[in-house]
Each structure stands twice: as C-alpha cells, then as structure tokens.
Amino acid sequence: MPLNDLLSELGIMPLRAIAFQSLLLMVAIVLEAMVLRQQLRLGYRTSMQYAATLNLLATSLGWVAFLAAEAVLPLALRSQIISYVLFNRFYANSWTDVLPVVVVVVAIAAFFFTYWIKLQGLLWLLQLLGQKPIDTTPEAIEVSRRQRYQRARRVQVEEQRSDSPRALAVLQANALSFTAILVLLLLVNQTGVVGW
C-alpha cells in the first residue's frame, strides 16, 4: 500500500498534539523522578523507572477516560474539544462563555484523578516488586485472636507511617509536574511555539 493511500485511510491525525503530549510526558517524568528520588531516597534509575511507569499509567487511563467522556458530550462541546486538539483554538458557539470555567474544573479534577492513579500505581508497583512482603507462614496463621489484633494494629500504624511519605512524595511530584505543564502550555499559547 503506498504511503498516500495509508495516510488517506488514517484520516486526520493530531500529530502536533501527539508530539506535544510526548514532550509534556518526558518533562513530567524527569521532574517527578527528581522528587521521588529526593523524598523516597531512591536511586536515579529506580526513581526514573517509577516515574515513567506511573506517568504512562496515568496518561493511558487519562486518555481512555477522555475518549469515553468525549463520546457522550454535547455536539457543540465536542466541536470545541476537537478544534482545540487539532488547531489549538476554540470556535465561537454556545459554549464560548462558560469554557474557561469548564477548563478550570476539568483541570482540577484531572489533577486529583492523576494523583490518585499515581498513588495507587506506586502502591501496586511496590507490591508487585516485593517491597511489602505478606506474612503467610503457618505460625502467622495460627496465632491467637488477641495477638492477631495487636499485630494488625501495629501493622496498620506502620503502614500509615510508611504510606504517608509515599503519598506526600507523589503529591509533590504531581504538583510539580502539573505546574511545569501549565507553564509550558501558557508559554506555547502566548508565543505560538510548535506552529500552533
């Protein structure tokens, strides 16, 4: 199949949006790796791997949520989204007046959704890598009810202590990457960089 036929079959591809998303993803990974390394005392390679994994997970789930929500939006709002993704501008229609409020609300929701996804992803990743061993020995199963209760309370307090620095580190990393992305988006919109 010739290249022209392939491109005509693909239709309109938002290549600028894909390239810019990749750039923003790389910036977020680097910044979040720095925060994870400092806050969780990880090595350079480990913090970069954790940041890349968490950001790819959050980005993938974010795009899935965006595409699912976009399919049920009103046509006027869908045209605004498509025009912004493809052409970096909004058209004048019935949503023009409330669009800034919608963008701010969606950005705040995206921040907290991303934070939750990254925090859960970090906990799952640590469990998969064996950072939180589960005690399944026969002695642990056969202990008395009182000892199980005391141990459960002690483990719960220890988990709260160990999860708190992780949650704070993920929050700081997410806030730093969102701030950097916001600054980059504002610069792009002000200067017209990347041909937009």
Protein backbone atom coordinates (compact mmCIF):
# COMPACT_ATOMS: atom_id res chain seq x y z
CA MET A 1 0.00 0.00 0.00
CA PRO A 2 1.53 3.35 -0.99
CA LEU A 3 2.10 5.99 1.67
CA ASN A 4 -0.56 8.33 0.25
CA ASP A 5 -3.21 5.62 0.47
CA LEU A 6 -2.19 4.81 4.03
CA LEU A 7 -2.44 8.46 5.07
CA SER A 8 -5.84 8.85 3.43
CA GLU A 9 -7.08 5.76 5.28
CA LEU A 10 -5.89 7.14 8.61
CA GLY A 11 -7.80 10.39 8.21
CA ILE A 12 -6.83 13.37 10.30
CA MET A 13 -4.13 12.53 12.81
CA PRO A 14 -3.43 15.06 15.57
CA LEU A 15 0.34 14.72 15.14
CA ARG A 16 1.06 18.04 16.86
CA ALA A 17 -1.00 17.02 19.85
CA ILE A 18 0.75 13.63 20.00
CA ALA A 19 4.20 15.24 19.78
CA PHE A 20 3.34 17.84 22.40
CA GLN A 21 1.85 15.17 24.69
CA SER A 22 5.11 13.21 24.37
CA LEU A 23 7.14 16.30 25.25
CA LEU A 24 4.98 17.04 28.28
CA LEU A 25 5.21 13.41 29.35
CA MET A 26 9.01 13.49 29.22
CA VAL A 27 9.09 16.71 31.26
CA ALA A 28 6.74 15.22 33.85
CA ILE A 29 8.78 12.03 34.12
CA VAL A 30 12.02 13.90 34.72
CA LEU A 31 10.54 16.26 37.31
CA GLU A 32 8.67 13.54 39.16
CA ALA A 33 11.73 11.29 39.18
CA MET A 34 13.69 14.07 40.89
CA VAL A 35 11.04 14.43 43.58
CA LEU A 36 10.67 10.68 44.11
CA ARG A 37 14.44 10.31 44.37
CA GLN A 38 14.72 13.04 46.98
CA GLN A 39 11.63 12.22 49.02
CA LEU A 40 11.75 8.43 48.97
CA ARG A 41 15.54 8.07 48.90
CA LEU A 42 15.54 6.03 45.71
CA GLY A 43 18.37 5.68 43.25
CA TYR A 44 18.45 7.58 39.96
CA ARG A 45 17.46 4.62 37.84
CA THR A 46 14.75 3.37 40.20
CA SER A 47 13.14 6.79 40.56
CA MET A 48 13.16 7.27 36.79
CA GLN A 49 11.57 3.84 36.26
CA TYR A 50 8.89 4.51 38.89
CA ALA A 51 8.12 7.96 37.46
CA ALA A 52 7.94 6.64 33.89
CA THR A 53 5.69 3.74 34.88
CA LEU A 54 3.34 5.93 36.92
CA ASN A 55 3.12 8.63 34.26
CA LEU A 56 2.49 6.17 31.45
CA LEU A 57 -0.23 4.51 33.53
CA ALA A 58 -1.87 7.84 34.38
CA THR A 59 -1.63 9.10 30.80
CA SER A 60 -3.09 5.92 29.36
CA LEU A 61 -6.00 5.88 31.79
CA GLY A 62 -6.48 9.61 31.27
CA TRP A 63 -6.81 9.19 27.50
CA VAL A 64 -9.22 6.29 27.95
CA ALA A 65 -11.35 8.40 30.31
CA PHE A 66 -11.16 11.38 27.95
CA LEU A 67 -12.23 9.35 24.91
CA ALA A 68 -15.06 7.71 26.85
CA ALA A 69 -16.32 11.06 28.17
CA GLU A 70 -15.89 12.81 24.82
CA ALA A 71 -18.24 10.35 23.15
CA VAL A 72 -21.17 11.35 25.37
CA LEU A 73 -20.63 15.14 25.37
CA PRO A 74 -22.96 17.51 23.51
CA LEU A 75 -22.01 18.19 19.89
CA ALA A 76 -21.13 21.86 20.50
CA LEU A 77 -18.69 20.95 23.28
CA ARG A 78 -17.23 18.10 21.22
CA SER A 79 -16.51 20.52 18.37
CA GLN A 80 -14.73 22.82 20.83
CA ILE A 81 -12.55 19.94 22.05
CA ILE A 82 -11.75 18.75 18.54
CA SER A 83 -10.89 22.27 17.37
CA TYR A 84 -8.59 22.78 20.35
CA VAL A 85 -6.82 19.42 19.95
CA LEU A 86 -6.37 19.79 16.19
CA PHE A 87 -5.99 23.55 15.72
CA ASN A 88 -5.23 24.96 19.20
CA ARG A 89 -8.17 27.36 19.15
CA PHE A 90 -11.79 27.45 20.16
CA TYR A 91 -14.68 28.29 17.86
CA ALA A 92 -17.41 30.74 18.79
CA ASN A 93 -20.51 28.80 19.79
CA SER A 94 -22.84 28.42 22.76
CA TRP A 95 -20.02 27.08 24.99
CA THR A 96 -17.66 30.02 24.47
CA ASP A 97 -18.81 31.93 27.57
CA VAL A 98 -18.57 29.03 30.04
CA LEU A 99 -15.50 27.40 28.52
CA PRO A 100 -12.94 28.95 30.94
CA VAL A 101 -14.89 27.62 33.93
CA VAL A 102 -15.17 24.18 32.33
CA VAL A 103 -11.43 24.11 31.61
CA VAL A 104 -10.54 25.04 35.23
CA VAL A 105 -12.92 22.46 36.71
CA VAL A 106 -11.64 19.75 34.38
CA ALA A 107 -8.02 20.66 35.19
CA ILE A 108 -8.65 20.41 38.94
CA ALA A 109 -10.44 17.09 38.52
CA ALA A 110 -7.61 15.84 36.30
CA PHE A 111 -5.05 16.80 38.96
CA PHE A 112 -6.76 14.81 41.70
CA PHE A 113 -7.59 11.89 39.40
CA THR A 114 -3.96 11.74 38.26
CA TYR A 115 -2.71 11.98 41.84
CA TRP A 116 -4.95 9.10 42.93
CA ILE A 117 -3.93 6.96 39.94
CA LYS A 118 -0.22 7.61 40.57
CA LEU A 119 -0.50 6.88 44.29
CA GLN A 120 -2.39 3.64 43.72
CA GLY A 121 0.02 2.75 40.91
CA LEU A 122 3.01 3.27 43.21
CA LEU A 123 1.48 1.07 45.89
CA TRP A 124 0.66 -1.65 43.35
CA LEU A 125 4.12 -1.36 41.84
CA LEU A 126 5.77 -1.73 45.24
CA GLN A 127 3.63 -4.77 46.00
CA LEU A 128 4.46 -6.33 42.63
CA LEU A 129 8.16 -5.74 43.21
CA GLY A 130 8.01 -7.32 46.65
CA GLN A 131 8.52 -4.20 48.71
CA LYS A 132 5.68 -5.16 51.07
CA PRO A 133 6.09 -8.81 51.98
CA ILE A 134 2.97 -10.63 53.10
CA ASP A 135 3.38 -12.97 56.07
CA THR A 136 1.83 -16.35 55.13
CA THR A 137 3.78 -18.69 57.40
CA PRO A 138 1.85 -21.33 59.36
CA GLU A 139 2.78 -19.65 62.64
CA ALA A 140 1.29 -16.37 61.49
CA ILE A 141 -1.95 -18.09 60.54
CA GLU A 142 -2.26 -19.98 63.86
CA VAL A 143 -1.68 -17.15 66.34
CA SER A 144 -4.37 -16.32 68.85
CA ARG A 145 -7.06 -13.74 68.20
CA ARG A 146 -5.55 -11.25 70.64
CA GLN A 147 -2.09 -11.49 69.08
CA ARG A 148 -3.57 -11.08 65.58
CA TYR A 149 -5.43 -7.99 66.73
CA GLN A 150 -2.32 -6.47 68.31
CA ARG A 151 -0.22 -7.28 65.27
CA ALA A 152 -2.89 -5.89 62.94
CA ARG A 153 -2.94 -2.62 64.87
CA ARG A 154 0.86 -2.46 64.83
CA VAL A 155 1.00 -3.20 61.06
CA GLN A 156 -1.73 -0.64 60.41
CA VAL A 157 0.23 2.05 62.24
CA GLU A 158 3.44 1.03 60.42
CA GLU A 159 1.67 1.08 57.04
CA GLN A 160 0.27 4.52 57.78
CA ARG A 161 3.75 5.72 58.62
CA SER A 162 5.24 4.16 55.50
CA ASP A 163 2.41 5.26 53.15
CA SER A 164 2.41 8.85 54.38
CA PRO A 165 5.83 9.73 52.91
CA ARG A 166 4.86 7.98 49.68
CA ALA A 167 1.58 9.87 49.44
CA LEU A 168 3.32 13.17 50.15
CA ALA A 169 6.07 12.42 47.62
CA VAL A 170 3.53 11.53 44.93
CA LEU A 171 1.53 14.68 45.74
CA GLN A 172 4.62 16.88 45.50
CA ALA A 173 5.74 15.19 42.28
CA ASN A 174 2.30 15.52 40.73
CA ALA A 175 2.02 19.18 41.76
CA LEU A 176 5.46 19.97 40.33
CA SER A 177 4.76 18.25 37.01
CA PHE A 178 1.30 19.86 36.69
CA THR A 179 2.81 23.29 37.41
CA ALA A 180 5.54 22.78 34.80
CA ILE A 181 2.98 21.57 32.24
CA LEU A 182 0.76 24.57 32.96
CA VAL A 183 3.69 26.96 32.47
CA LEU A 184 4.64 25.23 29.22
CA LEU A 185 1.05 25.39 27.95
CA LEU A 186 0.83 29.09 28.80
CA LEU A 187 4.14 29.75 27.03
CA VAL A 188 3.01 27.85 23.95
CA ASN A 189 -0.29 29.75 23.83
CA GLN A 190 1.42 33.12 24.32
CA THR A 191 4.29 32.66 21.89
CA GLY A 192 2.71 30.40 19.32
CA VAL A 193 5.58 27.90 19.52
CA VAL A 194 5.25 24.49 17.81
CA GLY A 195 3.43 26.04 14.87
CA TRP A 196 0.15 26.47 16.75
